[in-house]
Amino acid sequence: QVQLVESGGGLVQAGDSLRLSCAASGRTLGMYAMGWFRQAPGKERAFVASTTWDGGNIYYADSVKGRFTISRDNAKNTVYLQMNSLKPEDTAVYYCAANRRRMPTTPRQIDYWGQGTQVTVSS
């Protein structure tokens, strides 16, 4: 069993940056592929970024490429999402996700979810 806790969300202006953190407990994070998803009001949960257990393979949604960076520190059992040049359309609840095997790229195949952290970007 893995427990995931996100932090770092908040209210920012367009063009600002935020760094989200996802702290894991219960199991060693290095055993899992990790990802970030987001859900805007009235929309389905959507893929943002994911990384293999060692950071060797990383994927991004087209909408965040060049602006967001996913990284992980397995020694600290933490995954990060650095978000730069934020836009109002990035406003959503951001969720951390962990999978024992497959890369987290679809919300329908996730082993563990965090509780989410709100990111609001004003124009």
N, C-alpha and C. Protein backbone atom coordinates (compact mmCIF):
# COMPACT_ATOMS: atom_id res chain seq x y z
N GLN A 1 0.84 -1.18 0.00
CA GLN A 1 0.00 0.00 0.00
C GLN A 1 0.89 1.24 0.00
N VAL A 2 0.50 2.21 -0.82
CA VAL A 2 1.24 3.47 -0.93
C VAL A 2 0.28 4.61 -0.61
N GLN A 3 0.73 5.52 0.22
CA GLN A 3 -0.02 6.75 0.48
C GLN A 3 0.71 7.91 -0.18
N LEU A 4 -0.04 8.73 -0.93
CA LEU A 4 0.52 9.86 -1.65
C LEU A 4 -0.12 11.14 -1.15
N VAL A 5 0.71 12.14 -0.85
CA VAL A 5 0.21 13.42 -0.37
C VAL A 5 0.82 14.54 -1.20
N GLU A 6 -0.03 15.28 -1.90
CA GLU A 6 0.42 16.40 -2.73
C GLU A 6 0.45 17.69 -1.91
N SER A 7 1.32 18.59 -2.32
CA SER A 7 1.37 19.92 -1.71
C SER A 7 1.95 20.89 -2.73
N GLY A 8 1.83 22.18 -2.43
CA GLY A 8 2.43 23.19 -3.29
C GLY A 8 1.47 23.96 -4.17
N GLY A 9 0.20 23.56 -4.15
CA GLY A 9 -0.77 24.28 -4.96
C GLY A 9 -1.05 25.66 -4.39
N GLY A 10 -1.78 26.46 -5.16
CA GLY A 10 -2.13 27.79 -4.69
C GLY A 10 -2.71 28.64 -5.79
N LEU A 11 -2.86 29.93 -5.48
CA LEU A 11 -3.39 30.90 -6.42
C LEU A 11 -2.24 31.76 -6.94
N VAL A 12 -2.08 31.78 -8.24
CA VAL A 12 -1.00 32.56 -8.86
C VAL A 12 -1.56 33.31 -10.06
N GLN A 13 -0.73 34.21 -10.60
CA GLN A 13 -1.13 34.93 -11.80
C GLN A 13 -0.54 34.28 -13.03
N ALA A 14 -1.14 34.54 -14.16
CA ALA A 14 -0.63 34.01 -15.42
C ALA A 14 0.83 34.42 -15.60
N GLY A 15 1.66 33.45 -16.03
CA GLY A 15 3.07 33.69 -16.21
C GLY A 15 3.92 33.29 -15.01
N ASP A 16 3.29 33.08 -13.87
CA ASP A 16 4.01 32.69 -12.66
C ASP A 16 4.39 31.22 -12.70
N SER A 17 5.13 30.80 -11.68
CA SER A 17 5.56 29.41 -11.54
C SER A 17 5.10 28.84 -10.21
N LEU A 18 4.94 27.53 -10.19
CA LEU A 18 4.66 26.78 -8.97
C LEU A 18 5.39 25.45 -9.04
N ARG A 19 5.74 24.92 -7.89
CA ARG A 19 6.28 23.57 -7.84
C ARG A 19 5.41 22.72 -6.92
N LEU A 20 4.85 21.68 -7.49
CA LEU A 20 4.07 20.73 -6.72
C LEU A 20 4.97 19.60 -6.24
N SER A 21 4.67 19.10 -5.06
CA SER A 21 5.38 17.96 -4.51
C SER A 21 4.40 16.84 -4.20
N CYS A 22 4.88 15.63 -4.31
CA CYS A 22 4.08 14.46 -3.97
C CYS A 22 4.95 13.57 -3.10
N ALA A 23 4.62 13.49 -1.82
CA ALA A 23 5.38 12.69 -0.88
C ALA A 23 4.70 11.35 -0.69
N ALA A 24 5.49 10.30 -0.77
CA ALA A 24 4.95 8.95 -0.66
C ALA A 24 5.36 8.31 0.66
N SER A 25 4.50 7.49 1.18
CA SER A 25 4.81 6.72 2.38
C SER A 25 4.21 5.34 2.23
N GLY A 26 4.70 4.42 3.01
CA GLY A 26 4.18 3.07 2.98
C GLY A 26 5.04 2.11 2.19
N ARG A 27 5.56 2.57 1.07
CA ARG A 27 6.45 1.76 0.25
C ARG A 27 7.51 2.66 -0.35
N THR A 28 8.60 2.07 -0.76
CA THR A 28 9.66 2.83 -1.39
C THR A 28 9.20 3.33 -2.75
N LEU A 29 9.29 4.64 -2.92
CA LEU A 29 8.80 5.24 -4.16
C LEU A 29 9.56 4.74 -5.38
N GLY A 30 10.79 4.34 -5.19
CA GLY A 30 11.58 3.87 -6.31
C GLY A 30 11.04 2.62 -6.96
N MET A 31 10.05 1.97 -6.34
CA MET A 31 9.46 0.78 -6.93
C MET A 31 8.37 1.13 -7.94
N TYR A 32 8.00 2.41 -8.04
CA TYR A 32 6.82 2.78 -8.80
C TYR A 32 7.12 3.78 -9.91
N ALA A 33 6.40 3.62 -11.02
CA ALA A 33 6.33 4.69 -12.01
C ALA A 33 5.35 5.72 -11.48
N MET A 34 5.64 7.00 -11.71
CA MET A 34 4.86 8.07 -11.10
C MET A 34 4.34 9.02 -12.17
N GLY A 35 3.23 9.65 -11.84
CA GLY A 35 2.67 10.60 -12.80
C GLY A 35 1.87 11.68 -12.13
N TRP A 36 1.54 12.70 -12.91
CA TRP A 36 0.66 13.78 -12.50
C TRP A 36 -0.51 13.87 -13.47
N PHE A 37 -1.67 14.07 -12.91
CA PHE A 37 -2.89 14.29 -13.67
C PHE A 37 -3.57 15.55 -13.15
N ARG A 38 -4.52 16.06 -13.90
CA ARG A 38 -5.27 17.22 -13.42
C ARG A 38 -6.72 17.12 -13.85
N GLN A 39 -7.56 17.76 -13.07
CA GLN A 39 -8.99 17.75 -13.36
C GLN A 39 -9.54 19.15 -13.15
N ALA A 40 -10.00 19.74 -14.24
CA ALA A 40 -10.62 21.05 -14.20
C ALA A 40 -12.12 20.89 -13.94
N PRO A 41 -12.78 21.91 -13.44
CA PRO A 41 -14.22 21.81 -13.16
C PRO A 41 -15.00 21.41 -14.41
N GLY A 42 -15.83 20.40 -14.27
CA GLY A 42 -16.67 19.95 -15.38
C GLY A 42 -15.97 19.12 -16.43
N LYS A 43 -14.69 18.81 -16.19
CA LYS A 43 -13.93 18.03 -17.17
C LYS A 43 -13.43 16.73 -16.55
N GLU A 44 -13.05 15.81 -17.41
CA GLU A 44 -12.50 14.54 -16.94
C GLU A 44 -11.04 14.74 -16.49
N ARG A 45 -10.61 13.84 -15.64
CA ARG A 45 -9.22 13.86 -15.20
C ARG A 45 -8.32 13.57 -16.40
N ALA A 46 -7.25 14.35 -16.55
CA ALA A 46 -6.40 14.26 -17.74
C ALA A 46 -4.94 14.09 -17.37
N PHE A 47 -4.23 13.39 -18.24
CA PHE A 47 -2.80 13.15 -18.06
C PHE A 47 -2.02 14.46 -18.20
N VAL A 48 -0.98 14.64 -17.35
CA VAL A 48 -0.10 15.80 -17.44
C VAL A 48 1.33 15.36 -17.73
N ALA A 49 1.86 14.46 -16.90
CA ALA A 49 3.25 14.04 -17.06
C ALA A 49 3.47 12.74 -16.30
N SER A 50 4.48 11.95 -16.74
CA SER A 50 4.80 10.72 -16.02
C SER A 50 6.27 10.39 -16.20
N THR A 51 6.78 9.58 -15.28
CA THR A 51 8.18 9.18 -15.31
C THR A 51 8.31 7.74 -14.83
N THR A 52 9.27 7.03 -15.41
CA THR A 52 9.57 5.69 -14.93
C THR A 52 10.23 5.77 -13.55
N TRP A 53 10.44 4.61 -12.94
CA TRP A 53 10.94 4.59 -11.57
C TRP A 53 12.30 5.27 -11.43
N ASP A 54 13.08 5.27 -12.51
CA ASP A 54 14.42 5.84 -12.44
C ASP A 54 14.54 7.16 -13.19
N GLY A 55 13.42 7.67 -13.71
CA GLY A 55 13.47 8.91 -14.47
C GLY A 55 14.02 8.74 -15.87
N GLY A 56 14.21 7.48 -16.30
CA GLY A 56 14.82 7.24 -17.59
C GLY A 56 13.90 7.57 -18.76
N ASN A 57 12.61 7.43 -18.56
CA ASN A 57 11.62 7.78 -19.59
C ASN A 57 10.61 8.75 -18.98
N ILE A 58 10.36 9.82 -19.69
CA ILE A 58 9.44 10.85 -19.23
C ILE A 58 8.52 11.25 -20.38
N TYR A 59 7.25 11.42 -20.06
CA TYR A 59 6.26 11.82 -21.06
C TYR A 59 5.48 13.03 -20.54
N TYR A 60 5.07 13.86 -21.48
CA TYR A 60 4.28 15.04 -21.16
C TYR A 60 3.07 15.14 -22.08
N ALA A 61 2.00 15.68 -21.55
CA ALA A 61 0.89 16.07 -22.42
C ALA A 61 1.35 17.22 -23.31
N ASP A 62 0.83 17.28 -24.52
CA ASP A 62 1.23 18.33 -25.45
C ASP A 62 0.98 19.73 -24.87
N SER A 63 -0.07 19.84 -24.09
CA SER A 63 -0.46 21.15 -23.56
C SER A 63 0.54 21.72 -22.55
N VAL A 64 1.42 20.88 -22.01
CA VAL A 64 2.36 21.36 -20.99
C VAL A 64 3.81 21.22 -21.41
N LYS A 65 4.06 20.64 -22.56
CA LYS A 65 5.44 20.46 -23.02
C LYS A 65 6.16 21.80 -23.11
N GLY A 66 7.40 21.81 -22.59
CA GLY A 66 8.18 23.04 -22.62
C GLY A 66 7.90 23.97 -21.46
N ARG A 67 6.83 23.70 -20.70
CA ARG A 67 6.50 24.56 -19.55
C ARG A 67 6.59 23.80 -18.22
N PHE A 68 6.23 22.53 -18.23
CA PHE A 68 6.22 21.72 -17.00
C PHE A 68 7.37 20.72 -17.04
N THR A 69 7.90 20.41 -15.85
CA THR A 69 8.96 19.42 -15.74
C THR A 69 8.66 18.50 -14.56
N ILE A 70 8.62 17.20 -14.84
CA ILE A 70 8.44 16.22 -13.78
C ILE A 70 9.81 15.69 -13.37
N SER A 71 10.00 15.50 -12.08
CA SER A 71 11.26 14.94 -11.59
C SER A 71 10.97 14.16 -10.31
N ARG A 72 11.94 13.38 -9.90
CA ARG A 72 11.74 12.57 -8.71
C ARG A 72 13.03 12.46 -7.93
N ASP A 73 12.89 12.32 -6.62
CA ASP A 73 14.01 12.08 -5.73
C ASP A 73 13.63 10.85 -4.92
N ASN A 74 14.08 9.69 -5.36
CA ASN A 74 13.69 8.45 -4.71
C ASN A 74 14.22 8.37 -3.28
N ALA A 75 15.34 9.00 -3.02
CA ALA A 75 15.88 9.00 -1.66
C ALA A 75 14.96 9.73 -0.69
N LYS A 76 14.22 10.74 -1.21
CA LYS A 76 13.28 11.49 -0.40
C LYS A 76 11.85 11.00 -0.57
N ASN A 77 11.69 9.96 -1.39
CA ASN A 77 10.33 9.44 -1.65
C ASN A 77 9.39 10.53 -2.13
N THR A 78 9.88 11.37 -3.02
CA THR A 78 9.10 12.53 -3.46
C THR A 78 9.21 12.70 -4.97
N VAL A 79 8.09 13.07 -5.58
CA VAL A 79 8.01 13.42 -6.99
C VAL A 79 7.58 14.89 -7.08
N TYR A 80 8.11 15.58 -8.07
CA TYR A 80 7.84 17.01 -8.21
C TYR A 80 7.25 17.31 -9.59
N LEU A 81 6.52 18.40 -9.65
CA LEU A 81 6.07 18.93 -10.93
C LEU A 81 6.35 20.43 -10.91
N GLN A 82 7.38 20.82 -11.64
CA GLN A 82 7.70 22.24 -11.78
C GLN A 82 6.86 22.81 -12.92
N MET A 83 6.09 23.83 -12.60
CA MET A 83 5.18 24.41 -13.59
C MET A 83 5.57 25.86 -13.81
N ASN A 84 6.00 26.16 -15.03
CA ASN A 84 6.40 27.52 -15.39
C ASN A 84 5.43 28.09 -16.41
N SER A 85 5.47 29.41 -16.56
CA SER A 85 4.63 30.10 -17.55
C SER A 85 3.18 29.64 -17.45
N LEU A 86 2.67 29.63 -16.26
CA LEU A 86 1.31 29.14 -16.03
C LEU A 86 0.27 29.97 -16.76
N LYS A 87 -0.78 29.29 -17.22
CA LYS A 87 -1.87 29.92 -17.95
C LYS A 87 -3.18 29.68 -17.20
N PRO A 88 -4.17 30.51 -17.42
CA PRO A 88 -5.46 30.28 -16.76
C PRO A 88 -6.03 28.88 -17.05
N GLU A 89 -5.77 28.35 -18.23
CA GLU A 89 -6.27 27.02 -18.57
C GLU A 89 -5.55 25.89 -17.83
N ASP A 90 -4.51 26.22 -17.08
CA ASP A 90 -3.87 25.23 -16.22
C ASP A 90 -4.59 25.08 -14.89
N THR A 91 -5.59 25.91 -14.65
CA THR A 91 -6.35 25.83 -13.41
C THR A 91 -7.04 24.47 -13.29
N ALA A 92 -6.77 23.78 -12.19
CA ALA A 92 -7.32 22.43 -11.98
C ALA A 92 -6.87 21.92 -10.61
N VAL A 93 -7.46 20.81 -10.23
CA VAL A 93 -6.92 20.05 -9.10
C VAL A 93 -5.89 19.08 -9.69
N TYR A 94 -4.70 19.10 -9.12
CA TYR A 94 -3.62 18.26 -9.61
C TYR A 94 -3.45 17.06 -8.69
N TYR A 95 -3.39 15.89 -9.32
CA TYR A 95 -3.30 14.62 -8.58
C TYR A 95 -2.00 13.90 -8.91
N CYS A 96 -1.41 13.35 -7.89
CA CYS A 96 -0.25 12.48 -8.04
C CYS A 96 -0.74 11.05 -8.18
N ALA A 97 -0.03 10.24 -8.98
CA ALA A 97 -0.44 8.86 -9.22
C ALA A 97 0.77 7.95 -9.24
N ALA A 98 0.57 6.71 -8.80
CA ALA A 98 1.65 5.72 -8.77
C ALA A 98 1.17 4.41 -9.36
N ASN A 99 2.03 3.80 -10.16
CA ASN A 99 1.76 2.47 -10.72
C ASN A 99 2.94 1.57 -10.48
N ARG A 100 2.60 0.31 -10.13
CA ARG A 100 3.67 -0.64 -9.84
C ARG A 100 4.37 -1.07 -11.14
N ARG A 101 3.65 -1.11 -12.24
CA ARG A 101 4.24 -1.60 -13.49
C ARG A 101 4.18 -0.58 -14.62
N ARG A 102 2.98 -0.33 -15.16
CA ARG A 102 2.88 0.49 -16.36
C ARG A 102 3.03 1.96 -16.03
N MET A 103 3.48 2.72 -17.01
CA MET A 103 3.59 4.16 -16.85
C MET A 103 2.20 4.74 -16.65
N PRO A 104 2.03 5.67 -15.73
CA PRO A 104 0.72 6.31 -15.51
C PRO A 104 0.45 7.32 -16.62
N THR A 105 -0.26 6.92 -17.65
CA THR A 105 -0.59 7.82 -18.73
C THR A 105 -2.09 7.92 -18.97
N THR A 106 -2.86 7.06 -18.31
CA THR A 106 -4.30 7.16 -18.41
C THR A 106 -4.90 7.05 -17.01
N PRO A 107 -5.90 7.87 -16.68
CA PRO A 107 -6.48 7.82 -15.34
C PRO A 107 -7.24 6.52 -15.06
N ARG A 108 -7.48 5.72 -16.08
CA ARG A 108 -8.24 4.48 -15.89
C ARG A 108 -7.37 3.32 -15.43
N GLN A 109 -6.04 3.52 -15.41
CA GLN A 109 -5.14 2.43 -15.02
C GLN A 109 -4.12 2.96 -14.03
N ILE A 110 -4.59 3.26 -12.82
CA ILE A 110 -3.74 3.80 -11.76
C ILE A 110 -3.90 2.95 -10.51
N ASP A 111 -2.78 2.59 -9.91
CA ASP A 111 -2.83 1.79 -8.69
C ASP A 111 -3.13 2.64 -7.46
N TYR A 112 -2.51 3.83 -7.37
CA TYR A 112 -2.69 4.69 -6.20
C TYR A 112 -2.82 6.14 -6.62
N TRP A 113 -3.72 6.85 -5.94
CA TRP A 113 -3.94 8.28 -6.15
C TRP A 113 -3.67 9.06 -4.87
N GLY A 114 -3.20 10.29 -5.05
CA GLY A 114 -3.19 11.23 -3.94
C GLY A 114 -4.53 11.92 -3.84
N GLN A 115 -4.65 12.81 -2.87
CA GLN A 115 -5.94 13.47 -2.62
C GLN A 115 -6.12 14.73 -3.47
N GLY A 116 -5.04 15.21 -4.08
CA GLY A 116 -5.12 16.36 -4.97
C GLY A 116 -4.76 17.66 -4.29
N THR A 117 -4.27 18.60 -5.10
CA THR A 117 -3.96 19.95 -4.63
C THR A 117 -4.45 20.95 -5.68
N GLN A 118 -5.10 22.01 -5.23
CA GLN A 118 -5.71 22.97 -6.15
C GLN A 118 -4.67 23.96 -6.67
N VAL A 119 -4.69 24.15 -7.98
CA VAL A 119 -3.90 25.19 -8.63
C VAL A 119 -4.86 26.11 -9.36
N THR A 120 -4.79 27.39 -9.04
CA THR A 120 -5.64 28.38 -9.69
C THR A 120 -4.77 29.46 -10.29
N VAL A 121 -4.95 29.69 -11.60
CA VAL A 121 -4.16 30.69 -12.31
C VAL A 121 -5.09 31.79 -12.78
N SER A 122 -4.87 32.99 -12.30
CA SER A 122 -5.71 34.12 -12.68
C SER A 122 -5.09 34.85 -13.87
N SER A 123 -5.96 35.46 -14.67
CA SER A 123 -5.46 36.16 -15.87
C SER A 123 -5.13 37.60 -15.57
